[in-house]
Amino acid sequence: MGLRAAQYAAASVVLGLPAFMLYGGAVFGGQAPRWVRPVLGGSAAALTLLALAALALQTGLMAGALDQALNPEALSFVVGGTALGAAYAVRAGAALLLIPTVLFLRAGRGLWSVALGLGLIVAASFAWTGHGAATEGAGRWLHLTADILHAVAALIWIGAVFAFVALAMRWIEGDAAAQAALATALGGFARVGTLCVAVLLVTGLINSAYLVSVERALTLGETPYGRLLALKLAAFAAMLGLAALHRFRSTPALERGGGGLAGLRLSLGAELALGLLILGLVGAMGMLAPPASL
């Protein structure tokens, strides 16, 4: 569970940070902050190790003995013979490729575009290590597609919040230019954030139709999966409330030079904490049988 949640957290930076630099990078005048490359590269390295650890653990479980986790023949079978193993290998490979990309490409749209492409591959790989891959029949590809889009939207949103927290913590009260730039970045995320929310709502309904079913929708509390899902929805609603606060109150206050940076830092931190909580819940839910399968 923890291993899955940690991969989601690292992936939110691997995908969300390059996306942020593409739609909001203009606020830096074409020069990325010094912390962006180390954070992105470090997250890619962490995700590589986490994905490989998950692959080894899955190999041991499938072999029936954890001492077989690093057995070359067993690993080869899992990677080459199962979609789950292939997904872990693709995730690790995409994250690994991101490291030299960050190290050697010049900062600019080219770097962020390549990094975004690798991040999208990482996000898509989660669909094949989750419940969506178990769906069979005519709805398989609809469910997988919804799973992919759900992961992409969630990781871009949480990655953006991470970037905003980093920016808000580095800029100090009284720096009017920095606060104006932060306000511009927050305003620029409004459209992207709205799109992410719309995608999350639509794909969430599709996923719920497969994993919960209409018949069990009113009895979520009767299963561990359902209780975690209810908690996830509550955290999502709280994130929406904070996002609305930032858009309609904090951002206009910064634009007017009205201050409020301390409060913004607190609310952004809370939004990030909620996002990480959701990733942890998703990691736990992936280990449980969904209500529709019971």
Protein backbone atom coordinates (compact mmCIF):
# COMPACT_ATOMS: atom_id res chain seq x y z
CA MET A 1 0.00 0.00 0.00
CA GLY A 2 2.73 2.44 1.02
CA LEU A 3 4.78 1.52 -2.01
CA ARG A 4 1.86 2.29 -4.32
CA ALA A 5 1.12 5.60 -2.60
CA ALA A 6 4.78 6.64 -2.78
CA GLN A 7 4.80 5.97 -6.53
CA TYR A 8 1.72 8.13 -6.99
CA ALA A 9 3.32 10.95 -4.98
CA ALA A 10 6.55 10.84 -7.01
CA ALA A 11 4.55 10.65 -10.24
CA SER A 12 2.59 13.79 -9.32
CA VAL A 13 5.87 15.72 -9.50
CA VAL A 14 7.16 13.83 -12.55
CA LEU A 15 4.02 14.75 -14.52
CA GLY A 16 2.69 17.82 -12.74
CA LEU A 17 5.89 19.88 -12.62
CA PRO A 18 6.69 19.78 -16.38
CA ALA A 19 3.03 20.52 -17.11
CA PHE A 20 3.18 23.49 -14.74
CA MET A 21 6.31 24.81 -16.47
CA LEU A 22 4.56 24.64 -19.85
CA TYR A 23 1.31 26.42 -18.94
CA GLY A 24 2.66 28.63 -16.15
CA GLY A 25 6.37 28.98 -16.87
CA ALA A 26 5.98 32.41 -18.42
CA VAL A 27 5.70 33.82 -14.91
CA PHE A 28 9.43 33.15 -14.49
CA GLY A 29 10.38 35.13 -17.58
CA GLY A 30 11.66 32.07 -19.38
CA GLN A 31 14.11 31.17 -16.59
CA ALA A 32 13.03 28.22 -14.43
CA PRO A 33 13.70 28.48 -10.69
CA ARG A 34 16.82 26.64 -9.55
CA TRP A 35 14.83 24.12 -7.54
CA VAL A 36 12.83 22.77 -10.49
CA ARG A 37 15.51 20.56 -12.07
CA PRO A 38 16.75 18.94 -8.81
CA VAL A 39 13.21 18.27 -7.62
CA LEU A 40 12.13 16.82 -10.96
CA GLY A 41 15.28 14.70 -11.31
CA GLY A 42 15.09 13.52 -7.70
CA SER A 43 11.43 12.55 -8.10
CA ALA A 44 12.26 10.65 -11.29
CA ALA A 45 15.05 8.76 -9.52
CA ALA A 46 12.77 7.96 -6.57
CA LEU A 47 10.02 6.74 -8.89
CA THR A 48 12.48 4.53 -10.78
CA LEU A 49 13.54 2.81 -7.56
CA LEU A 50 9.97 2.56 -6.28
CA ALA A 51 8.69 1.02 -9.51
CA LEU A 52 11.53 -1.51 -9.58
CA ALA A 53 10.86 -2.37 -5.93
CA ALA A 54 7.17 -2.87 -6.73
CA LEU A 55 8.11 -5.09 -9.68
CA ALA A 56 10.40 -7.20 -7.50
CA LEU A 57 7.74 -7.50 -4.78
CA GLN A 58 5.10 -8.50 -7.33
CA THR A 59 7.47 -11.09 -8.77
CA GLY A 60 8.02 -12.59 -5.33
CA LEU A 61 4.29 -12.71 -4.66
CA MET A 62 3.55 -14.35 -8.00
CA ALA A 63 6.36 -16.86 -7.48
CA GLY A 64 5.00 -17.71 -4.05
CA ALA A 65 8.24 -16.81 -2.26
CA LEU A 66 9.75 -13.40 -1.64
CA ASP A 67 13.26 -14.83 -2.04
CA GLN A 68 12.39 -15.17 -5.75
CA ALA A 69 11.80 -11.43 -6.10
CA LEU A 70 15.15 -10.86 -7.81
CA ASN A 71 15.32 -14.17 -9.66
CA PRO A 72 16.14 -13.24 -13.30
CA GLU A 73 13.90 -15.96 -14.76
CA ALA A 74 10.97 -15.02 -12.55
CA LEU A 75 11.43 -11.31 -13.31
CA SER A 76 11.64 -12.04 -17.03
CA PHE A 77 8.40 -14.01 -16.90
CA VAL A 78 6.53 -11.30 -14.97
CA VAL A 79 7.73 -8.48 -17.26
CA GLY A 80 7.29 -10.39 -20.51
CA GLY A 81 4.27 -12.48 -19.63
CA THR A 82 1.97 -10.18 -17.65
CA ALA A 83 0.52 -6.74 -18.29
CA LEU A 84 1.14 -5.88 -14.64
CA GLY A 85 4.86 -6.59 -14.87
CA ALA A 86 5.18 -4.80 -18.20
CA ALA A 87 3.48 -1.73 -16.69
CA TYR A 88 5.98 -1.60 -13.81
CA ALA A 89 8.87 -1.96 -16.26
CA VAL A 90 7.52 0.80 -18.51
CA ARG A 91 7.00 3.07 -15.49
CA ALA A 92 10.55 2.50 -14.28
CA GLY A 93 11.95 2.96 -17.79
CA ALA A 94 10.11 6.24 -18.41
CA ALA A 95 11.19 7.59 -15.03
CA LEU A 96 14.78 6.51 -15.67
CA LEU A 97 14.82 8.26 -19.07
CA LEU A 98 13.66 11.44 -17.39
CA ILE A 99 16.85 11.67 -15.33
CA PRO A 100 19.27 12.31 -18.26
CA THR A 101 16.58 14.44 -19.87
CA VAL A 102 16.60 16.75 -16.85
CA LEU A 103 20.39 16.68 -16.58
CA PHE A 104 21.37 17.35 -20.19
CA LEU A 105 18.58 19.17 -22.04
CA ARG A 106 18.55 22.94 -21.87
CA ALA A 107 15.74 24.47 -19.85
CA GLY A 108 12.89 25.55 -22.08
CA ARG A 109 9.80 24.24 -23.79
CA GLY A 110 11.76 21.39 -25.37
CA LEU A 111 12.82 20.01 -21.99
CA TRP A 112 9.39 20.43 -20.42
CA SER A 113 7.65 18.88 -23.46
CA VAL A 114 9.87 15.77 -23.39
CA ALA A 115 9.48 15.52 -19.61
CA LEU A 116 5.70 15.88 -19.98
CA GLY A 117 5.61 13.05 -22.52
CA LEU A 118 7.52 10.75 -20.18
CA GLY A 119 5.25 11.80 -17.32
CA LEU A 120 2.18 10.90 -19.37
CA ILE A 121 3.64 7.43 -19.96
CA VAL A 122 4.16 7.08 -16.22
CA ALA A 123 0.58 8.16 -15.51
CA ALA A 124 -0.85 5.79 -18.11
CA SER A 125 1.07 2.86 -16.61
CA PHE A 126 -0.97 3.10 -13.41
CA ALA A 127 -4.07 1.95 -15.29
CA TRP A 128 -2.42 -1.43 -15.90
CA THR A 129 -1.53 -1.90 -12.23
CA GLY A 130 -4.99 -1.05 -10.94
CA HIS A 131 -8.52 -2.41 -11.06
CA GLY A 132 -9.11 -1.10 -14.59
CA ALA A 133 -6.82 -3.76 -16.06
CA ALA A 134 -9.03 -6.50 -14.60
CA THR A 135 -12.11 -5.37 -16.52
CA GLU A 136 -13.07 -7.72 -19.33
CA GLY A 137 -15.48 -7.57 -22.21
CA ALA A 138 -16.74 -4.64 -24.24
CA GLY A 139 -16.12 -2.09 -21.49
CA ARG A 140 -12.45 -2.91 -20.98
CA TRP A 141 -11.01 -0.08 -23.05
CA LEU A 142 -13.53 2.46 -21.81
CA HIS A 143 -12.55 1.64 -18.23
CA LEU A 144 -8.82 1.68 -19.01
CA THR A 145 -9.13 5.01 -20.83
CA ALA A 146 -11.08 6.51 -17.94
CA ASP A 147 -8.43 5.20 -15.53
CA ILE A 148 -5.63 6.81 -17.57
CA LEU A 149 -7.38 10.18 -17.84
CA HIS A 150 -8.27 10.08 -14.15
CA ALA A 151 -4.64 9.51 -13.20
CA VAL A 152 -3.38 12.22 -15.57
CA ALA A 153 -5.82 14.83 -14.25
CA ALA A 154 -5.17 13.99 -10.60
CA LEU A 155 -1.37 14.01 -10.94
CA ILE A 156 -1.35 17.30 -12.88
CA TRP A 157 -3.52 18.95 -10.24
CA ILE A 158 -1.51 17.69 -7.26
CA GLY A 159 1.76 18.47 -9.04
CA ALA A 160 0.58 22.02 -9.62
CA VAL A 161 -0.32 22.44 -5.96
CA PHE A 162 3.18 21.22 -5.06
CA ALA A 163 4.65 23.88 -7.36
CA PHE A 164 2.47 26.59 -5.83
CA VAL A 165 3.52 25.55 -2.32
CA ALA A 166 7.17 25.75 -3.36
CA LEU A 167 6.66 29.20 -4.87
CA ALA A 168 4.67 30.55 -1.93
CA MET A 169 7.22 29.30 0.59
CA ARG A 170 10.16 30.85 -1.26
CA TRP A 171 8.63 34.28 -1.81
CA ILE A 172 8.41 36.58 1.17
CA GLU A 173 5.76 38.92 2.45
CA GLY A 174 6.28 42.44 1.15
CA ASP A 175 7.81 41.45 -2.20
CA ALA A 176 5.17 42.97 -4.46
CA ALA A 177 6.68 41.66 -7.71
CA ALA A 178 6.91 38.11 -6.36
CA GLN A 179 3.34 38.20 -5.08
CA ALA A 180 2.10 39.51 -8.42
CA ALA A 181 3.93 36.68 -10.20
CA LEU A 182 2.39 34.13 -7.82
CA ALA A 183 -1.04 35.64 -8.46
CA THR A 184 -0.44 35.36 -12.21
CA ALA A 185 0.58 31.72 -11.86
CA LEU A 186 -2.49 30.94 -9.75
CA GLY A 187 -4.73 32.69 -12.24
CA GLY A 188 -3.11 30.84 -15.12
CA PHE A 189 -3.89 27.51 -13.47
CA ALA A 190 -7.61 28.33 -13.30
CA ARG A 191 -8.39 26.92 -16.75
CA VAL A 192 -6.14 23.90 -16.33
CA GLY A 193 -7.54 23.23 -12.88
CA THR A 194 -11.12 23.50 -14.12
CA LEU A 195 -10.35 21.02 -16.90
CA CYS A 196 -8.72 18.64 -14.39
CA VAL A 197 -11.79 18.79 -12.15
CA ALA A 198 -14.12 18.13 -15.09
CA VAL A 199 -12.05 15.13 -16.20
CA LEU A 200 -11.89 13.80 -12.64
CA LEU A 201 -15.66 14.03 -12.23
CA VAL A 202 -16.51 12.34 -15.54
CA THR A 203 -13.89 9.59 -15.29
CA GLY A 204 -14.69 9.09 -11.61
CA LEU A 205 -18.30 8.36 -12.50
CA ILE A 206 -17.21 5.92 -15.21
CA ASN A 207 -14.80 4.13 -12.87
CA SER A 208 -17.45 3.97 -10.15
CA ALA A 209 -19.91 2.38 -12.56
CA TYR A 210 -17.45 -0.48 -13.05
CA LEU A 211 -16.03 -0.76 -9.53
CA VAL A 212 -19.00 0.14 -7.31
CA SER A 213 -22.05 -0.39 -9.56
CA VAL A 214 -25.31 1.52 -9.29
CA GLU A 215 -26.85 -1.15 -7.06
CA ARG A 216 -24.17 -0.75 -4.38
CA ALA A 217 -23.76 3.04 -4.60
CA LEU A 218 -26.00 3.65 -1.58
CA THR A 219 -24.25 1.05 0.60
CA LEU A 220 -20.63 2.20 0.30
CA GLY A 221 -20.11 2.01 4.04
CA GLU A 222 -20.63 -1.75 4.08
CA THR A 223 -17.22 -2.55 2.54
CA PRO A 224 -13.66 -1.38 3.34
CA TYR A 225 -13.26 -0.20 -0.26
CA GLY A 226 -16.47 1.79 -0.04
CA ARG A 227 -15.46 3.48 3.20
CA LEU A 228 -12.10 4.52 1.74
CA LEU A 229 -13.87 5.77 -1.39
CA ALA A 230 -16.21 7.89 0.73
CA LEU A 231 -13.20 9.36 2.55
CA LYS A 232 -11.52 10.03 -0.80
CA LEU A 233 -14.60 11.87 -2.07
CA ALA A 234 -14.70 13.98 1.11
CA ALA A 235 -11.03 14.91 0.66
CA PHE A 236 -11.68 15.73 -3.00
CA ALA A 237 -14.58 18.01 -2.02
CA ALA A 238 -12.33 19.76 0.49
CA MET A 239 -9.67 20.27 -2.20
CA LEU A 240 -12.33 21.80 -4.45
CA GLY A 241 -13.29 24.19 -1.67
CA LEU A 242 -9.68 25.28 -1.16
CA ALA A 243 -9.15 25.64 -4.91
CA ALA A 244 -12.21 27.91 -5.08
CA LEU A 245 -10.85 29.93 -2.15
CA HIS A 246 -7.56 30.43 -3.98
CA ARG A 247 -9.24 31.40 -7.23
CA PHE A 248 -11.89 33.79 -5.96
CA ARG A 249 -10.31 35.23 -2.81
CA SER A 250 -6.55 34.70 -2.46
CA THR A 251 -5.58 35.41 -6.07
CA PRO A 252 -7.57 38.68 -6.36
CA ALA A 253 -6.12 39.79 -3.00
CA LEU A 254 -2.57 39.22 -4.24
CA GLU A 255 -3.34 41.01 -7.50
CA ARG A 256 -4.57 44.04 -5.54
CA GLY A 257 -1.45 43.94 -3.37
CA GLY A 258 -3.60 43.13 -0.38
CA GLY A 259 -1.16 40.61 1.08
CA GLY A 260 -2.52 37.49 2.71
CA LEU A 261 0.51 35.41 1.73
CA ALA A 262 0.67 33.66 5.11
CA GLY A 263 -2.93 32.51 4.79
CA LEU A 264 -2.33 31.40 1.20
CA ARG A 265 0.65 29.33 2.30
CA LEU A 266 -1.50 27.63 4.91
CA SER A 267 -4.36 26.86 2.54
CA LEU A 268 -2.03 25.65 -0.22
CA GLY A 269 -0.30 23.40 2.30
CA ALA A 270 -3.67 22.02 3.35
CA GLU A 271 -4.63 21.39 -0.28
CA LEU A 272 -1.36 19.54 -0.87
CA ALA A 273 -1.86 17.48 2.28
CA LEU A 274 -5.34 16.52 1.09
CA GLY A 275 -3.94 15.58 -2.31
CA LEU A 276 -1.34 13.33 -0.70
CA LEU A 277 -4.05 11.82 1.50
CA ILE A 278 -6.03 10.98 -1.63
CA LEU A 279 -2.98 9.32 -3.18
CA GLY A 280 -2.55 7.26 -0.03
CA LEU A 281 -6.21 6.24 -0.13
CA VAL A 282 -5.92 5.28 -3.79
CA GLY A 283 -2.91 3.14 -2.92
CA ALA A 284 -4.92 1.37 -0.23
CA MET A 285 -8.01 0.96 -2.43
CA GLY A 286 -5.91 -0.73 -5.08
CA MET A 287 -5.27 -3.57 -2.62
CA LEU A 288 -8.97 -4.13 -1.85
CA ALA A 289 -11.75 -5.84 -3.77
CA PRO A 290 -14.21 -3.24 -5.16
CA PRO A 291 -17.89 -3.64 -4.18
CA ALA A 292 -18.97 -4.58 -7.71
CA SER A 293 -16.78 -7.68 -7.59
CA LEU A 294 -18.29 -9.01 -4.34
